[in-house]
Amino acid sequence: MRAGACRFFSKGLKKELTADDAVTIQAAEYWFLGRFVDETGKVMWGNTSAEPVKLVRRQGTGKPE
């Protein structure tokens, strides 16, 4: 999906928010950056860091650590 394509209006905040997500999936790792930003780029929900969150699959369980 192109950047800025996923938008919605927040009734609570009374402003339009844009999804700013990134996902990287590898055999033993899953990296995720998920947040919603306002028109100025301020993070209104989610990870304020530019660094994605890393989940590591536990060997043999199929579940992230």
N, C-alpha and C. Protein backbone atom coordinates (compact mmCIF):
# COMPACT_ATOMS: atom_id res chain seq x y z
N MET A 1 0.84 -1.16 0.00
CA MET A 1 0.00 0.00 0.00
C MET A 1 0.89 1.23 0.00
N ARG A 2 0.52 2.25 -0.73
CA ARG A 2 1.34 3.46 -0.78
C ARG A 2 1.23 4.24 0.53
N ALA A 3 2.28 4.98 0.85
CA ALA A 3 2.31 5.77 2.09
C ALA A 3 1.15 6.76 2.11
N GLY A 4 0.48 6.86 3.25
CA GLY A 4 -0.63 7.80 3.42
C GLY A 4 -1.97 7.33 2.91
N ALA A 5 -2.03 6.11 2.38
CA ALA A 5 -3.27 5.62 1.77
C ALA A 5 -4.33 5.23 2.80
N CYS A 6 -3.92 4.82 3.98
CA CYS A 6 -4.86 4.37 5.00
C CYS A 6 -5.12 5.51 5.99
N ARG A 7 -6.33 6.10 5.90
CA ARG A 7 -6.70 7.23 6.74
C ARG A 7 -8.07 7.00 7.34
N PHE A 8 -8.31 7.62 8.50
CA PHE A 8 -9.64 7.60 9.07
C PHE A 8 -9.82 8.83 9.95
N PHE A 9 -11.07 9.20 10.20
CA PHE A 9 -11.38 10.33 11.05
C PHE A 9 -11.65 9.83 12.46
N SER A 10 -10.92 10.38 13.44
CA SER A 10 -11.11 10.02 14.84
C SER A 10 -12.13 10.98 15.44
N LYS A 11 -13.28 10.43 15.83
CA LYS A 11 -14.31 11.27 16.46
C LYS A 11 -13.82 11.81 17.80
N GLY A 12 -13.08 10.97 18.56
CA GLY A 12 -12.57 11.38 19.86
C GLY A 12 -11.58 12.53 19.78
N LEU A 13 -10.67 12.45 18.79
CA LEU A 13 -9.66 13.50 18.63
C LEU A 13 -10.13 14.62 17.72
N LYS A 14 -11.20 14.36 16.98
CA LYS A 14 -11.76 15.32 16.02
C LYS A 14 -10.74 15.72 14.96
N LYS A 15 -10.03 14.72 14.45
CA LYS A 15 -9.06 14.97 13.39
C LYS A 15 -8.82 13.72 12.58
N GLU A 16 -8.33 13.91 11.37
CA GLU A 16 -8.00 12.78 10.50
C GLU A 16 -6.63 12.23 10.87
N LEU A 17 -6.54 10.91 10.95
CA LEU A 17 -5.28 10.24 11.25
C LEU A 17 -4.86 9.37 10.08
N THR A 18 -3.57 9.20 9.94
CA THR A 18 -3.00 8.40 8.86
C THR A 18 -2.18 7.27 9.46
N ALA A 19 -2.38 6.05 8.96
CA ALA A 19 -1.58 4.91 9.41
C ALA A 19 -0.16 5.04 8.87
N ASP A 20 0.80 4.81 9.73
CA ASP A 20 2.22 4.83 9.36
C ASP A 20 2.80 3.51 9.86
N ASP A 21 2.65 2.46 9.06
CA ASP A 21 3.02 1.11 9.46
C ASP A 21 4.14 0.55 8.59
N ALA A 22 4.92 -0.33 9.16
CA ALA A 22 5.95 -1.07 8.42
C ALA A 22 6.09 -2.44 9.05
N VAL A 23 6.20 -3.46 8.22
CA VAL A 23 6.34 -4.83 8.69
C VAL A 23 7.47 -5.51 7.91
N THR A 24 8.34 -6.21 8.63
CA THR A 24 9.36 -7.04 8.01
C THR A 24 9.24 -8.43 8.61
N ILE A 25 9.06 -9.44 7.76
CA ILE A 25 8.90 -10.81 8.23
C ILE A 25 10.04 -11.65 7.68
N GLN A 26 10.75 -12.32 8.60
CA GLN A 26 11.81 -13.24 8.23
C GLN A 26 11.53 -14.58 8.91
N ALA A 27 12.30 -15.58 8.61
CA ALA A 27 12.04 -16.93 9.13
C ALA A 27 11.92 -16.96 10.65
N ALA A 28 12.81 -16.27 11.37
CA ALA A 28 12.80 -16.33 12.83
C ALA A 28 12.50 -14.98 13.48
N GLU A 29 12.20 -13.97 12.67
CA GLU A 29 11.98 -12.63 13.22
C GLU A 29 10.76 -11.97 12.58
N TYR A 30 10.15 -11.08 13.35
CA TYR A 30 9.02 -10.29 12.88
C TYR A 30 9.23 -8.88 13.42
N TRP A 31 9.40 -7.91 12.56
CA TRP A 31 9.60 -6.52 12.95
C TRP A 31 8.34 -5.75 12.59
N PHE A 32 7.87 -4.92 13.52
CA PHE A 32 6.63 -4.20 13.29
C PHE A 32 6.73 -2.77 13.82
N LEU A 33 6.34 -1.82 13.00
CA LEU A 33 6.21 -0.43 13.42
C LEU A 33 4.77 -0.03 13.11
N GLY A 34 4.02 0.26 14.14
CA GLY A 34 2.62 0.60 13.94
C GLY A 34 2.25 1.86 14.70
N ARG A 35 1.69 2.81 13.99
CA ARG A 35 1.25 4.05 14.63
C ARG A 35 0.29 4.81 13.72
N PHE A 36 -0.42 5.74 14.32
CA PHE A 36 -1.26 6.66 13.58
C PHE A 36 -0.77 8.07 13.87
N VAL A 37 -0.64 8.87 12.84
CA VAL A 37 -0.14 10.23 12.97
C VAL A 37 -1.18 11.23 12.49
N ASP A 38 -1.11 12.47 13.01
CA ASP A 38 -2.03 13.50 12.55
C ASP A 38 -1.43 14.21 11.34
N GLU A 39 -2.06 15.30 10.90
CA GLU A 39 -1.62 16.00 9.69
C GLU A 39 -0.24 16.64 9.84
N THR A 40 0.22 16.85 11.07
CA THR A 40 1.55 17.43 11.30
C THR A 40 2.63 16.37 11.44
N GLY A 41 2.23 15.09 11.49
CA GLY A 41 3.17 14.00 11.68
C GLY A 41 3.33 13.59 13.13
N LYS A 42 2.59 14.25 14.04
CA LYS A 42 2.65 13.90 15.46
C LYS A 42 2.00 12.54 15.68
N VAL A 43 2.69 11.65 16.40
CA VAL A 43 2.15 10.32 16.70
C VAL A 43 1.03 10.46 17.72
N MET A 44 -0.17 10.01 17.33
CA MET A 44 -1.34 10.09 18.20
C MET A 44 -1.64 8.74 18.85
N TRP A 45 -1.15 7.65 18.27
CA TRP A 45 -1.33 6.30 18.81
C TRP A 45 -0.20 5.45 18.29
N GLY A 46 0.37 4.60 19.17
CA GLY A 46 1.37 3.64 18.74
C GLY A 46 2.78 4.03 19.14
N ASN A 47 3.74 3.45 18.46
CA ASN A 47 5.16 3.59 18.77
C ASN A 47 5.69 4.94 18.30
N THR A 48 6.16 5.78 19.23
CA THR A 48 6.70 7.08 18.85
C THR A 48 8.13 6.99 18.31
N SER A 49 8.80 5.87 18.57
CA SER A 49 10.15 5.67 18.06
C SER A 49 10.11 5.30 16.58
N ALA A 50 11.14 5.68 15.86
CA ALA A 50 11.25 5.29 14.45
C ALA A 50 11.74 3.85 14.31
N GLU A 51 12.16 3.25 15.43
CA GLU A 51 12.67 1.88 15.42
C GLU A 51 11.52 0.88 15.53
N PRO A 52 11.45 -0.08 14.63
CA PRO A 52 10.40 -1.11 14.73
C PRO A 52 10.60 -1.99 15.97
N VAL A 53 9.53 -2.58 16.41
CA VAL A 53 9.55 -3.53 17.53
C VAL A 53 9.90 -4.90 16.96
N LYS A 54 10.81 -5.61 17.62
CA LYS A 54 11.24 -6.92 17.13
C LYS A 54 10.66 -8.02 18.00
N LEU A 55 9.99 -8.96 17.37
CA LEU A 55 9.55 -10.18 18.03
C LEU A 55 10.40 -11.32 17.49
N VAL A 56 10.78 -12.25 18.36
CA VAL A 56 11.60 -13.38 17.96
C VAL A 56 10.82 -14.66 18.21
N ARG A 57 10.76 -15.53 17.21
CA ARG A 57 10.04 -16.79 17.35
C ARG A 57 10.84 -17.76 18.21
N ARG A 58 10.20 -18.31 19.24
CA ARG A 58 10.84 -19.33 20.07
C ARG A 58 10.89 -20.64 19.29
N GLN A 59 12.01 -21.24 19.25
CA GLN A 59 12.19 -22.47 18.49
C GLN A 59 11.23 -23.56 18.98
N GLY A 60 10.53 -24.14 18.05
CA GLY A 60 9.68 -25.28 18.35
C GLY A 60 8.28 -24.96 18.87
N THR A 61 8.00 -23.70 19.18
CA THR A 61 6.68 -23.37 19.74
C THR A 61 5.78 -22.69 18.73
N GLY A 62 6.39 -21.99 17.77
CA GLY A 62 5.59 -21.22 16.82
C GLY A 62 5.05 -19.94 17.42
N LYS A 63 5.43 -19.64 18.67
CA LYS A 63 4.94 -18.44 19.33
C LYS A 63 6.09 -17.43 19.50
N PRO A 64 5.79 -16.12 19.40
CA PRO A 64 6.85 -15.14 19.63
C PRO A 64 7.27 -15.11 21.09
N GLU A 65 8.50 -14.70 21.33
CA GLU A 65 9.01 -14.57 22.72
C GLU A 65 8.51 -13.28 23.31
